[in-house]
C-alpha atoms as a PDB file:
ATOM      1  CA  GLN A   1       0.000   0.000   0.000  1.00  0.00           C
ATOM      2  CA  VAL A   2       0.999   3.587  -0.637  1.00  0.00           C
ATOM      3  CA  GLN A   3       0.011   6.716   1.207  1.00  0.00           C
ATOM      4  CA  LEU A   4       0.376  10.153  -0.344  1.00  0.00           C
ATOM      5  CA  VAL A   5      -0.050  13.347   1.644  1.00  0.00           C
ATOM      6  CA  GLU A   6      -0.128  16.683  -0.127  1.00  0.00           C
ATOM      7  CA  ALA A   7       0.577  20.008   1.498  1.00  0.00           C
ATOM      8  CA  GLY A   8       1.322  23.582   0.558  1.00  0.00           C
ATOM      9  CA  GLY A   9      -1.910  24.739  -0.997  1.00  0.00           C
ATOM     10  CA  GLY A  10      -3.587  27.965  -0.040  1.00  0.00           C
ATOM     11  CA  LEU A  11      -4.621  31.407  -1.151  1.00  0.00           C
ATOM     12  CA  VAL A  12      -2.168  33.472  -3.158  1.00  0.00           C
ATOM     13  CA  GLN A  13      -2.415  36.624  -5.211  1.00  0.00           C
ATOM     14  CA  PRO A  14      -1.950  36.571  -8.976  1.00  0.00           C
ATOM     15  CA  GLY A  15       1.731  36.592  -9.801  1.00  0.00           C
ATOM     16  CA  GLY A  16       2.602  34.881  -6.553  1.00  0.00           C
ATOM     17  CA  SER A  17       4.161  31.511  -5.864  1.00  0.00           C
ATOM     18  CA  LEU A  18       3.348  28.349  -3.989  1.00  0.00           C
ATOM     19  CA  ARG A  19       5.260  25.139  -3.441  1.00  0.00           C
ATOM     20  CA  LEU A  20       3.221  21.993  -3.132  1.00  0.00           C
ATOM     21  CA  SER A  21       4.706  18.901  -1.568  1.00  0.00           C
ATOM     22  CA  CYS A  22       3.691  15.261  -1.762  1.00  0.00           C
ATOM     23  CA  ALA A  23       5.068  12.967   0.906  1.00  0.00           C
ATOM     24  CA  ALA A  24       4.905   9.286   0.033  1.00  0.00           C
ATOM     25  CA  SER A  25       5.071   6.344   2.388  1.00  0.00           C
ATOM     26  CA  GLY A  26       4.556   2.610   2.141  1.00  0.00           C
ATOM     27  CA  SER A  27       5.675   0.414  -0.746  1.00  0.00           C
ATOM     28  CA  ILE A  28       7.394   3.017  -2.890  1.00  0.00           C
ATOM     29  CA  PHE A  29      10.435   2.833  -5.094  1.00  0.00           C
ATOM     30  CA  SER A  30      12.730   5.382  -6.623  1.00  0.00           C
ATOM     31  CA  LEU A  31      11.647   4.265 -10.101  1.00  0.00           C
ATOM     32  CA  ASP A  32       7.992   5.045  -9.489  1.00  0.00           C
ATOM     33  CA  VAL A  33       6.444   7.795 -11.590  1.00  0.00           C
ATOM     34  CA  ILE A  34       4.917  10.642  -9.619  1.00  0.00           C
ATOM     35  CA  GLY A  35       2.728  13.369 -10.967  1.00  0.00           C
ATOM     36  CA  TRP A  36       0.625  16.333 -10.061  1.00  0.00           C
ATOM     37  CA  TYR A  37      -2.888  16.675 -11.398  1.00  0.00           C
ATOM     38  CA  ARG A  38      -5.564  19.311 -11.063  1.00  0.00           C
ATOM     39  CA  GLN A  39      -9.304  19.074 -10.961  1.00  0.00           C
ATOM     40  CA  ALA A  40     -12.130  21.569 -10.868  1.00  0.00           C
ATOM     41  CA  PRO A  41     -15.599  20.637  -9.611  1.00  0.00           C
ATOM     42  CA  GLY A  42     -17.484  18.689 -12.246  1.00  0.00           C
ATOM     43  CA  LYS A  43     -14.466  18.390 -14.521  1.00  0.00           C
ATOM     44  CA  GLN A  44     -12.026  15.639 -15.298  1.00  0.00           C
ATOM     45  CA  ARG A  45      -8.720  15.445 -13.518  1.00  0.00           C
ATOM     46  CA  GLU A  46      -5.907  16.625 -15.786  1.00  0.00           C
ATOM     47  CA  LEU A  47      -2.154  16.330 -15.725  1.00  0.00           C
ATOM     48  CA  VAL A  48      -0.073  19.269 -14.569  1.00  0.00           C
ATOM     49  CA  ALA A  49       3.391  17.725 -14.379  1.00  0.00           C
ATOM     50  CA  VAL A  50       4.990  14.320 -14.012  1.00  0.00           C
ATOM     51  CA  ILE A  51       8.450  13.090 -13.088  1.00  0.00           C
ATOM     52  CA  THR A  52       9.899   9.642 -13.680  1.00  0.00           C
ATOM     53  CA  GLY A  53      12.316   7.747 -11.511  1.00  0.00           C
ATOM     54  CA  ALA A  54      15.099   8.818 -13.851  1.00  0.00           C
ATOM     55  CA  GLY A  55      14.163  12.452 -13.327  1.00  0.00           C
ATOM     56  CA  ASN A  56      12.560  12.998 -16.714  1.00  0.00           C
ATOM     57  CA  THR A  57       9.740  15.510 -16.582  1.00  0.00           C
ATOM     58  CA  ASN A  58       6.706  16.416 -18.621  1.00  0.00           C
ATOM     59  CA  TYR A  59       4.410  19.392 -18.220  1.00  0.00           C
ATOM     60  CA  ALA A  60       1.022  20.520 -19.363  1.00  0.00           C
ATOM     61  CA  VAL A  61       1.225  23.402 -21.795  1.00  0.00           C
ATOM     62  CA  SER A  62      -0.297  25.712 -19.191  1.00  0.00           C
ATOM     63  CA  ALA A  63       2.418  24.796 -16.692  1.00  0.00           C
ATOM     64  CA  LYS A  64       5.496  25.016 -18.902  1.00  0.00           C
ATOM     65  CA  GLY A  65       7.842  27.814 -17.952  1.00  0.00           C
ATOM     66  CA  ARG A  66       5.990  28.550 -14.704  1.00  0.00           C
ATOM     67  CA  PHE A  67       5.903  25.285 -12.757  1.00  0.00           C
ATOM     68  CA  THR A  68       8.743  22.958 -11.831  1.00  0.00           C
ATOM     69  CA  ILE A  69       8.343  19.422 -10.571  1.00  0.00           C
ATOM     70  CA  SER A  70      11.148  17.814  -8.608  1.00  0.00           C
ATOM     71  CA  ARG A  71      11.667  14.848  -6.346  1.00  0.00           C
ATOM     72  CA  ASP A  72      13.796  14.029  -3.342  1.00  0.00           C
ATOM     73  CA  ASN A  73      14.013  10.248  -3.205  1.00  0.00           C
ATOM     74  CA  ALA A  74      15.810  10.343   0.133  1.00  0.00           C
ATOM     75  CA  LYS A  75      12.766  12.068   1.644  1.00  0.00           C
ATOM     76  CA  ASN A  76      10.206  10.247  -0.546  1.00  0.00           C
ATOM     77  CA  THR A  77       8.815  13.626  -1.432  1.00  0.00           C
ATOM     78  CA  VAL A  78       7.873  15.300  -4.695  1.00  0.00           C
ATOM     79  CA  TYR A  79       7.483  19.043  -5.041  1.00  0.00           C
ATOM     80  CA  LEU A  80       5.647  21.308  -7.435  1.00  0.00           C
ATOM     81  CA  GLN A  81       7.022  24.823  -7.462  1.00  0.00           C
ATOM     82  CA  MET A  82       4.366  27.092  -8.912  1.00  0.00           C
ATOM     83  CA  ASN A  83       5.430  30.569  -9.985  1.00  0.00           C
ATOM     84  CA  SER A  84       3.645  33.418 -11.750  1.00  0.00           C
ATOM     85  CA  LEU A  85       0.331  32.015 -10.652  1.00  0.00           C
ATOM     86  CA  LYS A  86      -2.811  33.034 -12.482  1.00  0.00           C
ATOM     87  CA  SER A  87      -6.443  32.955 -11.460  1.00  0.00           C
ATOM     88  CA  GLU A  88      -6.988  30.103 -13.900  1.00  0.00           C
ATOM     89  CA  ASP A  89      -4.568  27.973 -11.875  1.00  0.00           C
ATOM     90  CA  THR A  90      -7.202  27.810  -9.147  1.00  0.00           C
ATOM     91  CA  ASP A  91      -8.132  24.169  -8.588  1.00  0.00           C
ATOM     92  CA  ASP A  92      -7.687  21.205  -6.306  1.00  0.00           C
ATOM     93  CA  TYR A  93      -4.280  19.648  -6.887  1.00  0.00           C
ATOM     94  CA  TYR A  94      -3.638  15.949  -6.435  1.00  0.00           C
ATOM     95  CA  CYS A  95      -0.490  13.907  -6.208  1.00  0.00           C
ATOM     96  CA  SER A  96      -0.357  10.545  -7.925  1.00  0.00           C
ATOM     97  CA  LEU A  97       2.134   7.695  -7.780  1.00  0.00           C
ATOM     98  CA  GLN A  98       2.327   4.913 -10.320  1.00  0.00           C
ATOM     99  CA  HIS A  99       4.400   1.851  -9.542  1.00  0.00           C
ATOM    100  CA  TRP A 100       7.001   1.184 -12.210  1.00  0.00           C
ATOM    101  CA  SER A 101       6.590  -2.576 -11.716  1.00  0.00           C
ATOM    102  CA  ASP A 102       2.860  -3.146 -12.160  1.00  0.00           C
ATOM    103  CA  GLY A 103       1.353   0.219 -13.004  1.00  0.00           C
ATOM    104  CA  ALA A 104      -0.739   0.362  -9.841  1.00  0.00           C
ATOM    105  CA  THR A 105      -1.772   3.978  -9.227  1.00  0.00           C
ATOM    106  CA  TYR A 106      -2.392   5.753  -5.957  1.00  0.00           C
ATOM    107  CA  TRP A 107      -3.784   9.212  -5.180  1.00  0.00           C
ATOM    108  CA  GLY A 108      -3.477  11.666  -2.363  1.00  0.00           C
ATOM    109  CA  GLN A 109      -6.391  13.524  -0.828  1.00  0.00           C
ATOM    110  CA  GLY A 110      -5.653  16.763  -2.648  1.00  0.00           C
ATOM    111  CA  THR A 111      -4.748  20.296  -1.676  1.00  0.00           C
ATOM    112  CA  GLN A 112      -6.614  23.398  -2.709  1.00  0.00           C
ATOM    113  CA  VAL A 113      -4.933  26.214  -4.593  1.00  0.00           C
ATOM    114  CA  THR A 114      -6.757  29.519  -4.920  1.00  0.00           C
ATOM    115  CA  VAL A 115      -5.279  32.375  -6.898  1.00  0.00           C
ATOM    116  CA  SER A 116      -7.193  35.554  -6.245  1.00  0.00           C
ATOM    117  CA  SER A 117      -6.657  39.176  -5.366  1.00  0.00           C
END
């Protein structure tokens, strides 16, 4: 089993920054793929950024150039640094881990990000 706990969400003004963290525990491995997703009420969850065990990253178009995903395998933690935030970044953000071995996917409980003046 895997447990994922997100933190770092909150209210920020447009142009501001937030750093989300996702702490993983349980049966996790450095090769597991971890990503950040966002979801608005009534809408599908969509990818924001993902990082592989090798450190390769991929970003949604809306996140490129503003967000940076990183991982600290020693701390079993993945971060999403969000800069130049816009009102349209407002959403619930979820951390996801996918096992490299069998593809099993786990989700955290989410953290809310609100960008508003």
